[in-house]
Amino acid sequence: MNSEATGLRALSHLHTLGLLTDAEHAQALAHPDLPNTALRTPSEALGWAAAKDIVAPESLPGLRARAAPGAEDEAHRTVANAVAMVSGQAPAWVLFEIGLMAHRLEDGVTDSALDQLQALQLIDPVQHFQARSLLPEQEPEWAAPASPAATLAWAVRTGVLTPAQLQALATPMSAISPEGRQIVADALTRTERGSDGHTKSVHTRTERSSSDGHTKTVHTRTVTWHSTGASSASGSPRAGKVIAVVAVVAVALYFLFAR
């Protein structure tokens, strides 16, 4: 399923949940930016709708009251995640771009991909155990396909592996299979530094609560990327540069508006 079709599916699901009215759903489908925005999950789609003022950002928390009968828990989670993507002192669209970039860095990072990395001897049992404890929360219905390369790059970003360890896997002396070498090469492309070596970080915070409001779990995530040379989760160098440029501009605007 391509990104445009995924976005349409996510928006349709929001409409089914009751989180978008008929008019809001129609406005979202007709928005000129929709074909150029990769929306994978209902939470991302709802955050995008808020960033585009289809839904007022300040009204997001109250949308859970619209939930269709029997969909209250899912609607609550969706709204909470969308609120986390656009809440802050910067404009909603800036925060949304930062949050979407954070989500894309975790696309394809799964338990099964970790198992494959261990089977190919790209990570050892200790690293496998450590990485499993850090895996991002994903809803299987909306998750990207498992990607060993994306998962290996994520392991470097989270400190499970060091950049030097990843580089060592790519050396001719490394006794790994051809499949493993391809995964390592892809992971290197995703994590390589530009010639200037500048590194940027974004801290994102997600809050989830149960429908009765008594349970709250807070996840704090640090996303790190490089200003040049990094590829996107799809492996496209051009897309990686676009993400880097958008992210740098977004962070600059964040600090400008936050003052």
Protein backbone atom coordinates (compact mmCIF):
# COMPACT_ATOMS: atom_id res chain seq x y z
CA MET A 1 0.00 0.00 0.00
CA ASN A 2 1.50 3.36 -1.03
CA SER A 3 1.72 6.34 1.31
CA GLU A 4 -1.25 8.17 -0.22
CA ALA A 5 -3.49 5.12 0.11
CA THR A 6 -2.32 4.64 3.71
CA GLY A 7 -3.21 8.25 4.50
CA LEU A 8 -6.67 7.85 3.00
CA ARG A 9 -7.17 4.68 5.04
CA ALA A 10 -6.08 6.43 8.26
CA LEU A 11 -8.40 9.38 7.64
CA SER A 12 -11.28 7.03 6.87
CA HIS A 13 -10.62 5.21 10.14
CA LEU A 14 -10.75 8.52 12.04
CA HIS A 15 -14.13 9.17 10.44
CA THR A 16 -15.30 5.70 11.49
CA LEU A 17 -14.11 6.31 15.05
CA GLY A 18 -16.11 9.53 15.13
CA LEU A 19 -13.04 11.73 15.52
CA LEU A 20 -13.66 13.51 12.19
CA THR A 21 -17.06 14.81 11.18
CA ASP A 22 -18.34 14.33 7.64
CA ALA A 23 -17.30 17.88 6.78
CA GLU A 24 -13.84 17.54 8.34
CA HIS A 25 -13.28 14.23 6.59
CA ALA A 26 -14.25 15.74 3.24
CA GLN A 27 -12.02 18.75 3.86
CA ALA A 28 -9.08 16.49 4.72
CA LEU A 29 -9.56 14.37 1.59
CA ALA A 30 -9.65 17.51 -0.56
CA HIS A 31 -6.59 19.13 1.00
CA PRO A 32 -3.85 19.74 -1.60
CA ASP A 33 -1.06 18.69 0.80
CA LEU A 34 -2.51 15.24 1.47
CA PRO A 35 -0.95 13.44 -1.55
CA ASN A 36 2.51 14.68 -0.49
CA THR A 37 2.24 13.69 3.18
CA ALA A 38 3.06 10.17 4.34
CA LEU A 39 0.49 9.45 7.04
CA ARG A 40 0.66 5.90 8.36
CA THR A 41 -1.53 5.82 11.46
CA PRO A 42 -4.81 7.41 12.60
CA SER A 43 -2.86 9.39 15.23
CA GLU A 44 -0.62 10.86 12.55
CA ALA A 45 -3.63 11.65 10.39
CA LEU A 46 -5.36 13.41 13.28
CA GLY A 47 -2.18 15.35 14.10
CA TRP A 48 -1.94 16.36 10.44
CA ALA A 49 -5.58 17.49 10.43
CA ALA A 50 -4.81 19.70 13.44
CA ALA A 51 -1.61 21.03 11.84
CA LYS A 52 -3.65 22.00 8.76
CA ASP A 53 -6.40 23.62 10.87
CA ILE A 54 -8.97 21.13 9.65
CA VAL A 55 -9.45 20.44 13.34
CA ALA A 56 -8.53 23.20 15.78
CA PRO A 57 -5.44 22.06 17.76
CA GLU A 58 -6.93 23.34 21.00
CA SER A 59 -10.04 21.21 20.46
CA LEU A 60 -8.12 17.94 20.09
CA PRO A 61 -8.39 16.77 23.74
CA GLY A 62 -12.17 17.10 23.62
CA LEU A 63 -12.53 14.96 20.49
CA ARG A 64 -12.57 11.77 22.55
CA ALA A 65 -16.12 12.68 23.56
CA ARG A 66 -17.13 12.14 19.91
CA ALA A 67 -16.01 8.50 19.93
CA ALA A 68 -18.37 6.02 18.34
CA PRO A 69 -19.92 3.47 20.76
CA GLY A 70 -17.47 0.68 21.44
CA ALA A 71 -14.51 2.66 20.10
CA GLU A 72 -13.85 4.78 23.18
CA ASP A 73 -10.52 3.20 24.15
CA GLU A 74 -9.04 3.35 20.66
CA ALA A 75 -10.29 6.91 20.19
CA HIS A 76 -8.75 7.90 23.51
CA ARG A 77 -5.34 6.50 22.51
CA THR A 78 -5.54 8.10 19.07
CA VAL A 79 -6.40 11.51 20.47
CA ALA A 80 -3.67 11.31 23.16
CA ASN A 81 -1.02 10.48 20.56
CA ALA A 82 -2.21 13.23 18.22
CA VAL A 83 -2.17 15.76 21.07
CA ALA A 84 1.41 14.77 21.85
CA MET A 85 2.39 15.47 18.23
CA VAL A 86 1.08 19.05 18.09
CA SER A 87 1.18 20.30 21.70
CA GLY A 88 3.78 22.90 22.61
CA GLN A 89 4.73 26.53 22.24
CA ALA A 90 5.48 26.37 18.51
CA PRO A 91 2.89 26.35 15.72
CA ALA A 92 1.12 23.01 15.35
CA TRP A 93 2.53 22.36 11.86
CA VAL A 94 6.11 22.75 13.15
CA LEU A 95 5.53 20.33 16.00
CA PHE A 96 3.76 17.93 13.66
CA GLU A 97 6.73 17.83 11.26
CA ILE A 98 9.06 17.08 14.16
CA GLY A 99 6.75 14.39 15.53
CA LEU A 100 6.27 12.79 12.12
CA MET A 101 10.02 12.66 11.60
CA ALA A 102 10.38 10.91 14.95
CA HIS A 103 7.77 8.34 13.92
CA ARG A 104 9.50 7.68 10.59
CA LEU A 105 12.80 6.95 12.31
CA GLU A 106 11.01 4.07 14.05
CA ASP A 107 9.26 2.69 10.97
CA GLY A 108 10.12 -0.99 10.55
CA VAL A 109 11.72 -1.30 14.00
CA THR A 110 10.21 -4.51 15.33
CA ASP A 111 10.83 -7.52 17.53
CA SER A 112 10.95 -9.83 14.52
CA ALA A 113 13.57 -7.63 12.85
CA LEU A 114 15.69 -7.86 16.00
CA ASP A 115 15.39 -11.64 15.88
CA GLN A 116 16.61 -11.59 12.28
CA LEU A 117 19.56 -9.37 13.18
CA GLN A 118 20.57 -11.81 15.91
CA ALA A 119 20.16 -14.81 13.59
CA LEU A 120 22.48 -13.09 11.10
CA GLN A 121 24.97 -12.39 13.93
CA LEU A 122 24.72 -8.64 13.47
CA ILE A 123 23.83 -8.23 17.15
CA ASP A 124 24.62 -10.49 20.08
CA PRO A 125 22.16 -11.82 22.70
CA VAL A 126 22.95 -9.02 25.15
CA GLN A 127 22.33 -6.34 22.52
CA HIS A 128 19.16 -8.15 21.46
CA PHE A 129 17.88 -8.11 25.04
CA GLN A 130 18.76 -4.44 25.51
CA ALA A 131 17.14 -3.44 22.21
CA ARG A 132 13.92 -5.31 23.03
CA SER A 133 13.53 -3.25 26.18
CA LEU A 134 13.69 -0.07 24.09
CA LEU A 135 11.40 -1.05 21.21
CA PRO A 136 8.88 1.65 20.27
CA GLU A 137 5.23 0.93 20.89
CA GLN A 138 3.40 0.14 17.68
CA GLU A 139 -0.09 -0.97 16.74
CA PRO A 140 0.32 -4.00 14.43
CA GLU A 141 -2.55 -2.91 12.19
CA TRP A 142 -0.80 0.37 11.38
CA ALA A 143 2.87 -0.54 11.71
CA ALA A 144 5.36 -0.44 8.85
CA PRO A 145 6.72 -3.80 7.65
CA ALA A 146 9.63 -5.13 9.70
CA SER A 147 12.96 -3.79 8.42
CA PRO A 148 16.22 -5.27 9.74
CA ALA A 149 18.19 -2.38 8.22
CA ALA A 150 15.99 0.27 9.84
CA THR A 151 16.17 -1.66 13.12
CA LEU A 152 19.96 -1.86 12.96
CA ALA A 153 20.19 1.88 12.32
CA TRP A 154 17.77 2.50 15.19
CA ALA A 155 19.97 0.33 17.45
CA VAL A 156 22.86 2.71 16.72
CA ARG A 157 20.73 5.81 17.37
CA THR A 158 19.59 4.40 20.71
CA GLY A 159 23.11 3.38 21.79
CA VAL A 160 22.60 -0.38 21.67
CA LEU A 161 25.41 -0.45 19.11
CA THR A 162 28.08 2.19 18.65
CA PRO A 163 28.81 3.67 15.21
CA ALA A 164 32.22 2.00 15.40
CA GLN A 165 30.59 -1.40 15.92
CA LEU A 166 28.39 -0.86 12.89
CA GLN A 167 31.42 0.17 10.83
CA ALA A 168 33.26 -2.96 11.98
CA LEU A 169 30.44 -5.12 10.63
CA ALA A 170 31.01 -3.58 7.20
CA THR A 171 34.72 -4.39 7.00
CA PRO A 172 35.97 -7.20 4.71
CA MET A 173 37.23 -9.02 7.83
CA SER A 174 33.70 -9.31 9.19
CA ALA A 175 32.45 -12.89 8.79
CA ILE A 176 28.82 -12.15 7.96
CA SER A 177 26.63 -13.43 5.17
CA PRO A 178 25.87 -11.52 1.95
CA GLU A 179 22.38 -10.82 3.30
CA GLY A 180 23.92 -9.41 6.47
CA ARG A 181 26.31 -7.22 4.47
CA GLN A 182 23.40 -5.74 2.54
CA ILE A 183 21.58 -4.95 5.77
CA VAL A 184 24.69 -3.34 7.25
CA ALA A 185 25.26 -1.25 4.12
CA ASP A 186 21.65 -0.04 4.25
CA ALA A 187 21.94 0.74 7.97
CA LEU A 188 25.16 2.68 7.36
CA THR A 189 23.38 4.77 4.72
CA ARG A 190 20.66 5.57 7.22
CA THR A 191 23.07 6.62 9.95
CA GLU A 192 26.03 8.12 8.11
CA ARG A 193 27.23 11.56 9.08
CA GLY A 194 27.74 14.36 6.64
CA SER A 195 31.20 15.77 6.15
CA ASP A 196 30.56 18.49 8.74
CA GLY A 197 29.42 15.92 11.31
CA HIS A 198 26.70 18.16 12.78
CA THR A 199 24.15 16.29 14.85
CA LYS A 200 20.72 17.54 15.86
CA SER A 201 18.38 16.16 18.51
CA VAL A 202 14.67 16.48 19.16
CA HIS A 203 13.02 15.40 22.40
CA THR A 204 9.42 14.21 22.10
CA ARG A 205 7.05 13.30 24.91
CA THR A 206 4.01 11.05 24.58
CA GLU A 207 1.30 10.66 27.20
CA ARG A 208 -1.23 7.85 27.18
CA SER A 209 -4.10 7.46 29.60
CA SER A 210 -6.78 4.89 30.14
CA SER A 211 -10.32 5.86 29.25
CA ASP A 212 -11.22 6.38 32.91
CA GLY A 213 -8.37 8.84 33.33
CA HIS A 214 -6.67 6.97 36.19
CA THR A 215 -3.65 5.50 34.44
CA LYS A 216 -1.01 7.52 32.68
CA THR A 217 2.22 6.40 31.07
CA VAL A 218 4.72 8.98 29.89
CA HIS A 219 7.31 8.08 27.26
CA THR A 220 10.16 10.49 26.59
CA ARG A 221 12.03 9.93 23.35
CA THR A 222 15.17 11.54 21.94
CA VAL A 223 15.47 11.55 18.17
CA THR A 224 18.90 12.21 16.66
CA TRP A 225 19.69 12.87 13.01
CA HIS A 226 22.46 14.39 10.94
CA SER A 227 22.27 17.55 8.89
CA THR A 228 23.51 15.98 5.65
CA GLY A 229 23.91 12.57 4.11
CA ALA A 230 21.24 10.66 6.06
CA SER A 231 18.70 8.57 4.21
CA SER A 232 15.05 8.23 5.08
CA ALA A 233 13.37 5.08 6.27
CA SER A 234 12.58 4.24 2.67
CA GLY A 235 16.29 4.26 1.83
CA SER A 236 16.10 7.27 -0.52
CA PRO A 237 19.02 9.71 -0.14
CA ARG A 238 16.95 12.55 -1.57
CA ALA A 239 14.12 11.92 0.86
CA GLY A 240 16.64 11.85 3.69
CA LYS A 241 17.95 15.27 2.73
CA VAL A 242 14.42 16.64 2.55
CA ILE A 243 13.66 15.32 6.04
CA ALA A 244 16.89 16.82 7.37
CA VAL A 245 16.11 20.24 5.87
CA VAL A 246 12.52 20.20 7.13
CA ALA A 247 13.69 19.14 10.56
CA VAL A 248 16.34 21.85 10.83
CA VAL A 249 13.85 24.51 9.73
CA ALA A 250 11.23 23.12 12.09
CA VAL A 251 13.55 23.19 15.07
CA ALA A 252 14.65 26.73 14.22
CA LEU A 253 11.03 27.86 14.08
CA TYR A 254 10.30 25.98 17.29
CA PHE A 255 12.89 27.96 19.21
CA LEU A 256 11.84 31.19 17.51
CA PHE A 257 8.20 30.81 18.52
CA ALA A 258 9.00 29.37 21.92
CA ARG A 259 10.82 32.52 23.03
